[in-house]
Each structure stands twice: as structure tokens, then as C-alpha cells.
Amino acid sequence: MFSIDLTVKNTAFPASIQRKSSEDAEAVYQTVLSAMRSGNPDIIELECEGKVEKKIAIRASEISGIQITQKDGSASGSGKTPGFFALASE
């Protein structure tokens, strides 16, 4: 499962959705990136594959960052903190 996290201006926590395949996650990433580059205040609507009832709509001009991370599904996780400001452990 892949998580796509969107950082929104003046918002403390990222909005996130999930995709089952890396290709689908990359397609969402490219769609959002194109909308960010356009500079138009269009609204992007995204649905989550992990939780089908989860939908988000965000004005493209308010998105300040996007990140894709892979979730391994284990209880312990990979040891990495999700988000843009996670520190790499060495």
C-alpha cells in the first residue's frame, strides 16, 4: 500500500490518501504535481483506495508539498516516521 501525503498551506497535518500499486500512486503524484505547477486555484478531488469512504478535495494553489511513501503493513512498521520532516536514521 502506498500513501500519498499532501501538505496544505497553513495546516499542521498533511492530508493523505492511499493507493494499492506504485503505478497508481505515481499517477496521483503526477496529477497533483501538474495542478501545482499550473498555478490555477482549481480543486483537486482524490479518493482513498485503502478506505473507500475517504475523499478529499483541496484547492491546488494551497498545496505546498506532496510525498509518496510505501507502507509495509507490519505492526512495527519500517521505523520511519511519516511526513515531510522525518529524520533519517543512520
PDB file of N, CA and C in Angstrom:
ATOM      1  N   MET A   1       0.855  -1.165   0.000  1.00  0.00           N
ATOM      2  CA  MET A   1       0.000   0.000   0.000  1.00  0.00           C
ATOM      3  C   MET A   1       0.904   1.231   0.000  1.00  0.00           C
ATOM      4  N   PHE A   2       0.522   2.235  -0.765  1.00  0.00           N
ATOM      5  CA  PHE A   2       1.282   3.474  -0.874  1.00  0.00           C
ATOM      6  C   PHE A   2       0.443   4.624  -0.343  1.00  0.00           C
ATOM      7  N   SER A   3       1.058   5.473   0.448  1.00  0.00           N
ATOM      8  CA  SER A   3       0.386   6.639   0.999  1.00  0.00           C
ATOM      9  C   SER A   3       0.881   7.879   0.260  1.00  0.00           C
ATOM     10  N   ILE A   4      -0.058   8.718  -0.168  1.00  0.00           N
ATOM     11  CA  ILE A   4       0.270   9.982  -0.816  1.00  0.00           C
ATOM     12  C   ILE A   4      -0.137  11.077   0.164  1.00  0.00           C
ATOM     13  N   ASP A   5       0.851  11.810   0.678  1.00  0.00           N
ATOM     14  CA  ASP A   5       0.623  12.860   1.671  1.00  0.00           C
ATOM     15  C   ASP A   5       0.737  14.222   1.007  1.00  0.00           C
ATOM     16  N   LEU A   6      -0.263  15.065   1.238  1.00  0.00           N
ATOM     17  CA  LEU A   6      -0.270  16.425   0.698  1.00  0.00           C
ATOM     18  C   LEU A   6      -0.132  17.410   1.847  1.00  0.00           C
ATOM     19  N   THR A   7       0.853  18.279   1.768  1.00  0.00           N
ATOM     20  CA  THR A   7       0.994  19.344   2.739  1.00  0.00           C
ATOM     21  C   THR A   7       0.234  20.551   2.207  1.00  0.00           C
ATOM     22  N   VAL A   8      -0.672  21.065   3.038  1.00  0.00           N
ATOM     23  CA  VAL A   8      -1.515  22.188   2.654  1.00  0.00           C
ATOM     24  C   VAL A   8      -1.086  23.415   3.452  1.00  0.00           C
ATOM     25  N   LYS A   9      -1.012  24.552   2.774  1.00  0.00           N
ATOM     26  CA  LYS A   9      -0.592  25.793   3.431  1.00  0.00           C
ATOM     27  C   LYS A   9      -1.454  26.071   4.655  1.00  0.00           C
ATOM     28  N   ASN A  10      -0.822  26.541   5.716  1.00  0.00           N
ATOM     29  CA  ASN A  10      -1.473  26.919   6.969  1.00  0.00           C
ATOM     30  C   ASN A  10      -2.216  25.764   7.638  1.00  0.00           C
ATOM     31  N   THR A  11      -1.775  24.543   7.382  1.00  0.00           N
ATOM     32  CA  THR A  11      -2.370  23.359   8.004  1.00  0.00           C
ATOM     33  C   THR A  11      -1.246  22.546   8.634  1.00  0.00           C
ATOM     34  N   ALA A  12      -1.437  22.165   9.877  1.00  0.00           N
ATOM     35  CA  ALA A  12      -0.375  21.476  10.608  1.00  0.00           C
ATOM     36  C   ALA A  12      -0.136  20.045  10.153  1.00  0.00           C
ATOM     37  N   PHE A  13      -1.187  19.346   9.745  1.00  0.00           N
ATOM     38  CA  PHE A  13      -1.053  17.935   9.400  1.00  0.00           C
ATOM     39  C   PHE A  13      -1.348  17.710   7.926  1.00  0.00           C
ATOM     40  N   PRO A  14      -0.634  16.769   7.308  1.00  0.00           N
ATOM     41  CA  PRO A  14      -0.880  16.513   5.881  1.00  0.00           C
ATOM     42  C   PRO A  14      -2.207  15.781   5.659  1.00  0.00           C
ATOM     43  N   ALA A  15      -2.794  16.006   4.498  1.00  0.00           N
ATOM     44  CA  ALA A  15      -3.934  15.211   4.056  1.00  0.00           C
ATOM     45  C   ALA A  15      -3.335  14.025   3.311  1.00  0.00           C
ATOM     46  N   SER A  16      -3.893  12.843   3.496  1.00  0.00           N
ATOM     47  CA  SER A  16      -3.302  11.686   2.835  1.00  0.00           C
ATOM     48  C   SER A  16      -4.372  10.741   2.303  1.00  0.00           C
ATOM     49  N   ILE A  17      -3.994  10.070   1.224  1.00  0.00           N
ATOM     50  CA  ILE A  17      -4.821   9.020   0.641  1.00  0.00           C
ATOM     51  C   ILE A  17      -3.916   7.828   0.365  1.00  0.00           C
ATOM     52  N   GLN A  18      -4.520   6.705   0.017  1.00  0.00           N
ATOM     53  CA  GLN A  18      -3.734   5.503  -0.250  1.00  0.00           C
ATOM     54  C   GLN A  18      -4.037   4.938  -1.626  1.00  0.00           C
ATOM     55  N   ARG A  19      -3.023   4.310  -2.200  1.00  0.00           N
ATOM     56  CA  ARG A  19      -3.160   3.576  -3.460  1.00  0.00           C
ATOM     57  C   ARG A  19      -2.515   2.214  -3.268  1.00  0.00           C
ATOM     58  N   LYS A  20      -3.058   1.212  -3.953  1.00  0.00           N
ATOM     59  CA  LYS A  20      -2.572  -0.157  -3.805  1.00  0.00           C
ATOM     60  C   LYS A  20      -1.296  -0.425  -4.588  1.00  0.00           C
ATOM     61  N   SER A  21      -1.119   0.241  -5.736  1.00  0.00           N
ATOM     62  CA  SER A  21       0.064  -0.026  -6.561  1.00  0.00           C
ATOM     63  C   SER A  21       0.925   1.225  -6.705  1.00  0.00           C
ATOM     64  N   SER A  22       2.198   0.996  -6.971  1.00  0.00           N
ATOM     65  CA  SER A  22       3.112   2.126  -7.155  1.00  0.00           C
ATOM     66  C   SER A  22       2.738   2.928  -8.401  1.00  0.00           C
ATOM     67  N   GLU A  23       2.219   2.261  -9.435  1.00  0.00           N
ATOM     68  CA  GLU A  23       1.817   2.956 -10.661  1.00  0.00           C
ATOM     69  C   GLU A  23       0.656   3.914 -10.390  1.00  0.00           C
ATOM     70  N   ASP A  24      -0.333   3.464  -9.602  1.00  0.00           N
ATOM     71  CA  ASP A  24      -1.462   4.330  -9.262  1.00  0.00           C
ATOM     72  C   ASP A  24      -1.017   5.499  -8.390  1.00  0.00           C
ATOM     73  N   ALA A  25      -0.105   5.226  -7.450  1.00  0.00           N
ATOM     74  CA  ALA A  25       0.413   6.287  -6.585  1.00  0.00           C
ATOM     75  C   ALA A  25       1.174   7.317  -7.410  1.00  0.00           C
ATOM     76  N   GLU A  26       1.963   6.849  -8.364  1.00  0.00           N
ATOM     77  CA  GLU A  26       2.725   7.755  -9.235  1.00  0.00           C
ATOM     78  C   GLU A  26       1.785   8.586 -10.105  1.00  0.00           C
ATOM     79  N   ALA A  27       0.687   7.999 -10.568  1.00  0.00           N
ATOM     80  CA  ALA A  27      -0.282   8.733 -11.386  1.00  0.00           C
ATOM     81  C   ALA A  27      -0.930   9.864 -10.583  1.00  0.00           C
ATOM     82  N   VAL A  28      -1.273   9.589  -9.333  1.00  0.00           N
ATOM     83  CA  VAL A  28      -1.838  10.633  -8.467  1.00  0.00           C
ATOM     84  C   VAL A  28      -0.801  11.724  -8.230  1.00  0.00           C
ATOM     85  N   TYR A  29       0.428  11.312  -7.948  1.00  0.00           N
ATOM     86  CA  TYR A  29       1.525  12.258  -7.727  1.00  0.00           C
ATOM     87  C   TYR A  29       1.670  13.201  -8.923  1.00  0.00           C
ATOM     88  N   GLN A  30       1.693  12.641 -10.126  1.00  0.00           N
ATOM     89  CA  GLN A  30       1.859  13.453 -11.335  1.00  0.00           C
ATOM     90  C   GLN A  30       0.671  14.380 -11.560  1.00  0.00           C
ATOM     91  N   THR A  31      -0.547  13.917 -11.258  1.00  0.00           N
ATOM     92  CA  THR A  31      -1.752  14.747 -11.393  1.00  0.00           C
ATOM     93  C   THR A  31      -1.676  15.951 -10.459  1.00  0.00           C
ATOM     94  N   VAL A  32      -1.308  15.690  -9.213  1.00  0.00           N
ATOM     95  CA  VAL A  32      -1.210  16.775  -8.232  1.00  0.00           C
ATOM     96  C   VAL A  32      -0.073  17.715  -8.596  1.00  0.00           C
ATOM     97  N   LEU A  33       1.057  17.173  -9.004  1.00  0.00           N
ATOM     98  CA  LEU A  33       2.203  17.995  -9.398  1.00  0.00           C
ATOM     99  C   LEU A  33       1.843  18.918 -10.561  1.00  0.00           C
ATOM    100  N   SER A  34       1.144  18.406 -11.543  1.00  0.00           N
ATOM    101  CA  SER A  34       0.711  19.223 -12.688  1.00  0.00           C
ATOM    102  C   SER A  34      -0.215  20.345 -12.240  1.00  0.00           C
ATOM    103  N   ALA A  35      -1.124  20.017 -11.329  1.00  0.00           N
ATOM    104  CA  ALA A  35      -2.048  21.039 -10.822  1.00  0.00           C
ATOM    105  C   ALA A  35      -1.296  22.113 -10.044  1.00  0.00           C
ATOM    106  N   MET A  36      -0.286  21.708  -9.267  1.00  0.00           N
ATOM    107  CA  MET A  36       0.515  22.673  -8.515  1.00  0.00           C
ATOM    108  C   MET A  36       1.283  23.596  -9.459  1.00  0.00           C
ATOM    109  N   ARG A  37       1.832  23.029 -10.531  1.00  0.00           N
ATOM    110  CA  ARG A  37       2.619  23.818 -11.481  1.00  0.00           C
ATOM    111  C   ARG A  37       1.765  24.789 -12.277  1.00  0.00           C
ATOM    112  N   SER A  38       0.503  24.455 -12.484  1.00  0.00           N
ATOM    113  CA  SER A  38      -0.365  25.301 -13.304  1.00  0.00           C
ATOM    114  C   SER A  38      -0.636  26.648 -12.638  1.00  0.00           C
ATOM    115  N   GLY A  39      -0.629  26.676 -11.300  1.00  0.00           N
ATOM    116  CA  GLY A  39      -0.879  27.927 -10.591  1.00  0.00           C
ATOM    117  C   GLY A  39      -2.347  28.295 -10.517  1.00  0.00           C
ATOM    118  N   ASN A  40      -3.207  27.501 -11.124  1.00  0.00           N
ATOM    119  CA  ASN A  40      -4.644  27.765 -11.075  1.00  0.00           C
ATOM    120  C   ASN A  40      -5.221  27.323  -9.733  1.00  0.00           C
ATOM    121  N   PRO A  41      -6.247  28.010  -9.258  1.00  0.00           N
ATOM    122  CA  PRO A  41      -6.849  27.636  -7.979  1.00  0.00           C
ATOM    123  C   PRO A  41      -7.884  26.516  -8.118  1.00  0.00           C
ATOM    124  N   ASP A  42      -7.715  25.644  -9.108  1.00  0.00           N
ATOM    125  CA  ASP A  42      -8.656  24.545  -9.315  1.00  0.00           C
ATOM    126  C   ASP A  42      -8.675  23.615  -8.110  1.00  0.00           C
ATOM    127  N   ILE A  43      -9.783  22.939  -7.944  1.00  0.00           N
ATOM    128  CA  ILE A  43      -9.927  21.991  -6.848  1.00  0.00           C
ATOM    129  C   ILE A  43      -9.596  20.588  -7.350  1.00  0.00           C
ATOM    130  N   ILE A  44      -8.768  19.882  -6.585  1.00  0.00           N
ATOM    131  CA  ILE A  44      -8.405  18.503  -6.885  1.00  0.00           C
ATOM    132  C   ILE A  44      -9.204  17.613  -5.943  1.00  0.00           C
ATOM    133  N   GLU A  45      -9.905  16.647  -6.508  1.00  0.00           N
ATOM    134  CA  GLU A  45     -10.649  15.687  -5.693  1.00  0.00           C
ATOM    135  C   GLU A  45      -9.943  14.335  -5.766  1.00  0.00           C
ATOM    136  N   LEU A  46      -9.689  13.751  -4.602  1.00  0.00           N
ATOM    137  CA  LEU A  46      -8.995  12.470  -4.528  1.00  0.00           C
ATOM    138  C   LEU A  46      -9.768  11.516  -3.623  1.00  0.00           C
ATOM    139  N   GLU A  47      -9.744  10.241  -3.990  1.00  0.00           N
ATOM    140  CA  GLU A  47     -10.373   9.202  -3.184  1.00  0.00           C
ATOM    141  C   GLU A  47      -9.308   8.223  -2.711  1.00  0.00           C
ATOM    142  N   CYS A  48      -9.559   7.607  -1.576  1.00  0.00           N
ATOM    143  CA  CYS A  48      -8.614   6.673  -0.979  1.00  0.00           C
ATOM    144  C   CYS A  48      -8.999   5.242  -1.345  1.00  0.00           C
ATOM    145  N   GLU A  49      -8.028   4.445  -1.785  1.00  0.00           N
ATOM    146  CA  GLU A  49      -8.296   3.036  -2.067  1.00  0.00           C
ATOM    147  C   GLU A  49      -8.281   2.200  -0.794  1.00  0.00           C
ATOM    148  N   GLY A  50      -7.557   2.636   0.210  1.00  0.00           N
ATOM    149  CA  GLY A  50      -7.485   1.898   1.473  1.00  0.00           C
ATOM    150  C   GLY A  50      -8.774   2.005   2.271  1.00  0.00           C
ATOM    151  N   LYS A  51      -9.358   3.189   2.274  1.00  0.00           N
ATOM    152  CA  LYS A  51     -10.638   3.443   2.946  1.00  0.00           C
ATOM    153  C   LYS A  51     -11.538   4.091   1.905  1.00  0.00           C
ATOM    154  N   VAL A  52     -12.408   3.298   1.302  1.00  0.00           N
ATOM    155  CA  VAL A  52     -13.191   3.778   0.163  1.00  0.00           C
ATOM    156  C   VAL A  52     -14.122   4.929   0.515  1.00  0.00           C
ATOM    157  N   GLU A  53     -14.458   5.086   1.794  1.00  0.00           N
ATOM    158  CA  GLU A  53     -15.337   6.181   2.197  1.00  0.00           C
ATOM    159  C   GLU A  53     -14.579   7.503   2.367  1.00  0.00           C
ATOM    160  N   LYS A  54     -13.265   7.475   2.277  1.00  0.00           N
ATOM    161  CA  LYS A  54     -12.435   8.664   2.486  1.00  0.00           C
ATOM    162  C   LYS A  54     -12.211   9.400   1.169  1.00  0.00           C
ATOM    163  N   LYS A  55     -12.625  10.652   1.136  1.00  0.00           N
ATOM    164  CA  LYS A  55     -12.425  11.513  -0.032  1.00  0.00           C
ATOM    165  C   LYS A  55     -11.919  12.862   0.461  1.00  0.00           C
ATOM    166  N   ILE A  56     -11.077  13.511  -0.349  1.00  0.00           N
ATOM    167  CA  ILE A  56     -10.628  14.854  -0.018  1.00  0.00           C
ATOM    168  C   ILE A  56     -10.705  15.732  -1.260  1.00  0.00           C
ATOM    169  N   ALA A  57     -10.939  16.994  -1.046  1.00  0.00           N
ATOM    170  CA  ALA A  57     -10.931  17.993  -2.110  1.00  0.00           C
ATOM    171  C   ALA A  57     -10.073  19.151  -1.612  1.00  0.00           C
ATOM    172  N   ILE A  58      -9.067  19.499  -2.393  1.00  0.00           N
ATOM    173  CA  ILE A  58      -8.114  20.532  -1.999  1.00  0.00           C
ATOM    174  C   ILE A  58      -7.900  21.485  -3.167  1.00  0.00           C
ATOM    175  N   ARG A  59      -7.842  22.766  -2.860  1.00  0.00           N
ATOM    176  CA  ARG A  59      -7.528  23.756  -3.882  1.00  0.00           C
ATOM    177  C   ARG A  59      -6.046  23.606  -4.243  1.00  0.00           C
ATOM    178  N   ALA A  60      -5.754  23.392  -5.510  1.00  0.00           N
ATOM    179  CA  ALA A  60      -4.388  23.118  -5.969  1.00  0.00           C
ATOM    180  C   ALA A  60      -3.412  24.218  -5.572  1.00  0.00           C
ATOM    181  N   SER A  61      -3.864  25.451  -5.579  1.00  0.00           N
ATOM    182  CA  SER A  61      -2.978  26.565  -5.242  1.00  0.00           C
ATOM    183  C   SER A  61      -2.596  26.585  -3.763  1.00  0.00           C
ATOM    184  N   GLU A  62      -3.273  25.798  -2.926  1.00  0.00           N
ATOM    185  CA  GLU A  62      -2.975  25.742  -1.491  1.00  0.00           C
ATOM    186  C   GLU A  62      -2.050  24.586  -1.125  1.00  0.00           C
ATOM    187  N   ILE A  63      -1.726  23.715  -2.084  1.00  0.00           N
ATOM    188  CA  ILE A  63      -0.837  22.586  -1.809  1.00  0.00           C
ATOM    189  C   ILE A  63       0.607  23.070  -1.883  1.00  0.00           C
ATOM    190  N   SER A  64       1.370  22.799  -0.819  1.00  0.00           N
ATOM    191  CA  SER A  64       2.764  23.234  -0.810  1.00  0.00           C
ATOM    192  C   SER A  64       3.744  22.076  -0.952  1.00  0.00           C
ATOM    193  N   GLY A  65       3.262  20.826  -0.848  1.00  0.00           N
ATOM    194  CA  GLY A  65       4.155  19.689  -0.996  1.00  0.00           C
ATOM    195  C   GLY A  65       3.384  18.396  -1.157  1.00  0.00           C
ATOM    196  N   ILE A  66       4.046  17.413  -1.762  1.00  0.00           N
ATOM    197  CA  ILE A  66       3.455  16.083  -1.946  1.00  0.00           C
ATOM    198  C   ILE A  66       4.552  15.046  -1.742  1.00  0.00           C
ATOM    199  N   GLN A  67       4.175  13.917  -1.160  1.00  0.00           N
ATOM    200  CA  GLN A  67       5.139  12.855  -0.866  1.00  0.00           C
ATOM    201  C   GLN A  67       4.452  11.503  -1.017  1.00  0.00           C
ATOM    202  N   ILE A  68       5.175  10.533  -1.575  1.00  0.00           N
ATOM    203  CA  ILE A  68       4.692   9.154  -1.652  1.00  0.00           C
ATOM    204  C   ILE A  68       5.554   8.311  -0.727  1.00  0.00           C
ATOM    205  N   THR A  69       4.910   7.493   0.112  1.00  0.00           N
ATOM    206  CA  THR A  69       5.635   6.550   0.961  1.00  0.00           C
ATOM    207  C   THR A  69       4.976   5.183   0.849  1.00  0.00           C
ATOM    208  N   GLN A  70       5.768   4.147   0.986  1.00  0.00           N
ATOM    209  CA  GLN A  70       5.238   2.793   0.934  1.00  0.00           C
ATOM    210  C   GLN A  70       5.018   2.282   2.341  1.00  0.00           C
ATOM    211  N   LYS A  71       3.841   1.724   2.568  1.00  0.00           N
ATOM    212  CA  LYS A  71       3.535   1.128   3.861  1.00  0.00           C
ATOM    213  C   LYS A  71       3.694  -0.368   3.723  1.00  0.00           C
ATOM    214  N   ASP A  72       4.434  -0.981   4.646  1.00  0.00           N
ATOM    215  CA  ASP A  72       4.687  -2.415   4.532  1.00  0.00           C
ATOM    216  C   ASP A  72       3.614  -3.265   5.181  1.00  0.00           C
ATOM    217  N   GLY A  73       2.726  -2.662   5.976  1.00  0.00           N
ATOM    218  CA  GLY A  73       1.621  -3.409   6.559  1.00  0.00           C
ATOM    219  C   GLY A  73       1.937  -4.133   7.847  1.00  0.00           C
ATOM    220  N   SER A  74       3.165  -4.095   8.301  1.00  0.00           N
ATOM    221  CA  SER A  74       3.503  -4.766   9.551  1.00  0.00           C
ATOM    222  C   SER A  74       3.177  -3.866  10.736  1.00  0.00           C
ATOM    223  N   ALA A  75       2.976  -4.469  11.873  1.00  0.00           N
ATOM    224  CA  ALA A  75       2.617  -3.715  13.069  1.00  0.00           C
ATOM    225  C   ALA A  75       3.755  -2.818  13.532  1.00  0.00           C
ATOM    226  N   SER A  76       4.980  -3.280  13.366  1.00  0.00           N
ATOM    227  CA  SER A  76       6.123  -2.500  13.834  1.00  0.00           C
ATOM    228  C   SER A  76       6.512  -1.407  12.852  1.00  0.00           C
ATOM    229  N   GLY A  77       6.118  -1.544  11.599  1.00  0.00           N
ATOM    230  CA  GLY A  77       6.463  -0.546  10.599  1.00  0.00           C
ATOM    231  C   GLY A  77       7.920  -0.607  10.209  1.00  0.00           C
ATOM    232  N   SER A  78       8.331   0.349   9.427  1.00  0.00           N
ATOM    233  CA  SER A  78       9.704   0.368   8.943  1.00  0.00           C
ATOM    234  C   SER A  78      10.634   1.156   9.860  1.00  0.00           C
ATOM    235  N   GLY A  79      10.074   1.741  10.921  1.00  0.00           N
ATOM    236  CA  GLY A  79      10.884   2.540  11.809  1.00  0.00           C
ATOM    237  C   GLY A  79      11.004   3.982  11.356  1.00  0.00           C
ATOM    238  N   LYS A  80      10.373   4.309  10.242  1.00  0.00           N
ATOM    239  CA  LYS A  80      10.419   5.680   9.735  1.00  0.00           C
ATOM    240  C   LYS A  80       9.149   6.412  10.143  1.00  0.00           C
ATOM    241  N   THR A  81       9.304   7.647  10.545  1.00  0.00           N
ATOM    242  CA  THR A  81       8.178   8.478  10.900  1.00  0.00           C
ATOM    243  C   THR A  81       7.575   9.053   9.627  1.00  0.00           C
ATOM    244  N   PRO A  82       6.241   8.964   9.456  1.00  0.00           N
ATOM    245  CA  PRO A  82       5.643   9.521   8.248  1.00  0.00           C
ATOM    246  C   PRO A  82       5.708  11.042   8.258  1.00  0.00           C
ATOM    247  N   GLY A  83       5.685  11.644   7.097  1.00  0.00           N
ATOM    248  CA  GLY A  83       5.671  13.093   6.988  1.00  0.00           C
ATOM    249  C   GLY A  83       6.907  13.639   6.314  1.00  0.00           C
ATOM    250  N   PHE A  84       6.878  14.914   6.038  1.00  0.00           N
ATOM    251  CA  PHE A  84       7.933  15.567   5.303  1.00  0.00           C
ATOM    252  C   PHE A  84       9.150  15.869   6.162  1.00  0.00           C
ATOM    253  N   PHE A  85       8.977  15.923   7.469  1.00  0.00           N
ATOM    254  CA  PHE A  85      10.055  16.356   8.333  1.00  0.00           C
ATOM    255  C   PHE A  85      10.658  15.207   9.130  1.00  0.00           C
ATOM    256  N   ALA A  86      10.463  13.978   8.665  1.00  0.00           N
ATOM    257  CA  ALA A  86      11.040  12.825   9.334  1.00  0.00           C
ATOM    258  C   ALA A  86      12.547  12.829   9.156  1.00  0.00           C
ATOM    259  N   LEU A  87      13.264  12.504  10.199  1.00  0.00           N
ATOM    260  CA  LEU A  87      14.725  12.467  10.140  1.00  0.00           C
ATOM    261  C   LEU A  87      15.166  11.070   9.756  1.00  0.00           C
ATOM    262  N   ALA A  88      16.167  10.997   8.917  1.00  0.00           N
ATOM    263  CA  ALA A  88      16.722   9.704   8.508  1.00  0.00           C
ATOM    264  C   ALA A  88      17.589   9.173   9.635  1.00  0.00           C
ATOM    265  N   SER A  89      17.428   7.891   9.928  1.00  0.00           N
ATOM    266  CA  SER A  89      18.277   7.295  10.953  1.00  0.00           C
ATOM    267  C   SER A  89      19.470   6.643  10.279  1.00  0.00           C
ATOM    268  N   GLU A  90      20.620   6.851  10.836  1.00  0.00           N
ATOM    269  CA  GLU A  90      21.851   6.331  10.235  1.00  0.00           C
ATOM    270  C   GLU A  90      22.524   5.395  11.183  1.00  0.00           C
TER     271      GLU A  90
END
